[in-house]
Protein backbone atom coordinates (compact mmCIF):
# COMPACT_ATOMS: atom_id res chain seq x y z
CA MET A 1 -123.06 31.10 41.15
CA LYS A 2 -121.44 29.85 44.37
CA THR A 3 -119.41 26.66 44.49
CA LYS A 4 -120.42 23.80 46.75
CA ALA A 5 -117.63 24.73 49.19
CA GLU A 6 -118.91 28.31 49.36
CA LEU A 7 -122.39 27.06 50.27
CA LEU A 8 -121.15 25.15 53.31
CA PRO A 9 -121.52 26.73 56.74
CA GLU A 10 -118.47 28.46 58.20
CA CYS A 11 -118.66 26.32 61.35
CA PRO A 12 -117.19 22.82 60.82
CA VAL A 13 -119.72 21.25 63.20
CA ALA A 14 -122.56 22.82 61.22
CA THR A 15 -120.98 21.45 58.02
CA THR A 16 -120.97 17.93 59.48
CA VAL A 17 -124.56 18.31 60.67
CA GLN A 18 -125.59 19.53 57.22
CA LEU A 19 -124.00 16.47 55.58
CA ILE A 20 -125.15 13.72 57.98
CA GLY A 21 -127.41 15.45 60.47
CA ASN A 22 -130.66 13.68 59.86
CA LYS A 23 -131.85 10.41 61.31
CA TRP A 24 -131.89 8.54 58.02
CA LYS A 25 -128.42 9.54 56.81
CA LEU A 26 -126.88 8.45 60.09
CA LEU A 27 -128.67 5.10 59.95
CA ILE A 28 -127.71 4.58 56.29
CA ILE A 29 -124.06 5.23 57.16
CA ARG A 30 -124.39 2.90 60.15
CA ASN A 31 -125.47 0.10 57.82
CA LEU A 32 -122.89 0.85 55.14
CA ARG A 33 -120.09 0.58 57.72
CA THR A 34 -120.58 -3.19 57.68
CA ARG A 35 -120.83 -3.95 53.94
CA PRO A 36 -122.36 -2.76 50.66
CA TRP A 37 -126.17 -2.78 50.71
CA ARG A 38 -128.80 -2.94 48.00
CA PHE A 39 -131.68 -0.44 47.97
CA ASN A 40 -134.36 -2.93 49.03
CA GLU A 41 -132.17 -4.26 51.84
CA LEU A 42 -131.73 -0.76 53.20
CA GLN A 43 -135.44 -0.01 52.93
CA LYS A 44 -136.38 -3.20 54.80
CA ASN A 45 -133.75 -2.59 57.49
CA LEU A 46 -134.60 1.08 58.06
CA ASP A 47 -138.03 0.67 59.62
CA GLY A 48 -140.35 3.49 58.60
CA ILE A 49 -138.36 5.02 55.74
CA SER A 50 -140.28 5.62 52.53
CA GLN A 51 -138.87 4.83 49.10
CA LYS A 52 -138.77 8.55 48.25
CA VAL A 53 -136.94 9.55 51.44
CA LEU A 54 -134.40 6.74 51.01
CA THR A 55 -133.86 7.69 47.36
CA ASP A 56 -133.46 11.39 48.23
CA ASN A 57 -130.98 10.66 51.02
CA LEU A 58 -128.91 8.25 48.94
CA ARG A 59 -128.75 10.76 46.07
CA ALA A 60 -127.72 13.58 48.41
CA MET A 61 -125.04 11.45 50.07
CA GLU A 62 -123.73 10.36 46.67
CA ALA A 63 -123.64 13.99 45.48
CA ASP A 64 -121.75 14.93 48.66
CA GLY A 65 -119.21 12.17 47.96
CA LEU A 66 -120.02 10.14 51.07
CA ILE A 67 -121.26 7.00 49.31
CA THR A 68 -120.76 5.29 45.99
CA ARG A 69 -123.44 3.71 43.85
CA THR A 70 -122.32 0.72 41.82
CA VAL A 71 -124.51 -0.60 39.02
CA TYR A 72 -123.77 -4.14 37.87
CA ALA A 73 -124.52 -5.07 34.25
CA GLU A 74 -126.86 -7.91 35.04
CA VAL A 75 -130.45 -8.72 34.23
CA PRO A 76 -132.20 -7.51 36.27
CA PRO A 77 -129.71 -4.73 37.08
CA ARG A 78 -128.16 -4.89 40.54
CA VAL A 79 -127.24 -1.68 42.36
CA GLU A 80 -125.20 -1.55 45.55
CA TYR A 81 -124.40 1.36 47.83
CA SER A 82 -121.22 1.53 49.88
CA LEU A 83 -119.18 4.10 51.75
CA SER A 84 -116.81 6.03 49.53
CA GLU A 85 -113.24 6.73 50.56
CA LEU A 86 -114.47 10.03 52.00
CA GLY A 87 -117.39 8.29 53.70
CA GLU A 88 -114.97 5.84 55.34
CA THR A 89 -113.34 8.79 57.10
CA MET A 90 -116.62 9.21 59.01
CA ARG A 91 -116.21 5.79 60.61
CA PRO A 92 -114.63 7.21 63.82
CA ILE A 93 -117.59 9.57 64.24
CA LEU A 94 -120.07 6.68 64.07
CA ASP A 95 -117.84 4.51 66.27
CA ALA A 96 -117.80 7.28 68.89
CA MET A 97 -121.59 7.64 68.66
CA GLU A 98 -121.99 3.88 69.11
CA GLU A 99 -119.67 3.89 72.13
CA TRP A 100 -121.46 6.86 73.69
CA GLY A 101 -124.88 5.30 73.07
CA ASN A 102 -123.79 2.07 74.76
CA SER A 103 -122.40 4.01 77.74
CA TYR A 104 -125.59 6.01 78.04
CA LYS A 105 -127.76 2.89 77.91
CA SER A 106 -125.60 1.26 80.59
CA ALA A 107 -125.80 4.33 82.83
CA VAL A 108 -129.59 4.56 82.48
CA HIS A 109 -130.08 0.87 83.25
CA SER A 110 -127.86 0.83 86.34
């Protein structure tokens, strides 16, 4: 059986796209850049995402080491999602995307 590293594409750009290359993962990371979020907060903020799709994306990102899931021993239980140390290293990618998006919007509106 192949290891996780052996399953990744040879191209580093393809690897990045595989890890964060869908709309929802990028928007989840966008939100987690600001602070830890609870599941229901994310679902309300990400207009149009279903509970299943959010759950699947959070699980995949946790398995890939991009986010951490913290369960607090409270009643009812409280769960928060935040960027992991590895996930934090993606901050410059999202910052660059934000900068480019703002530049594009300015160019289109001028």
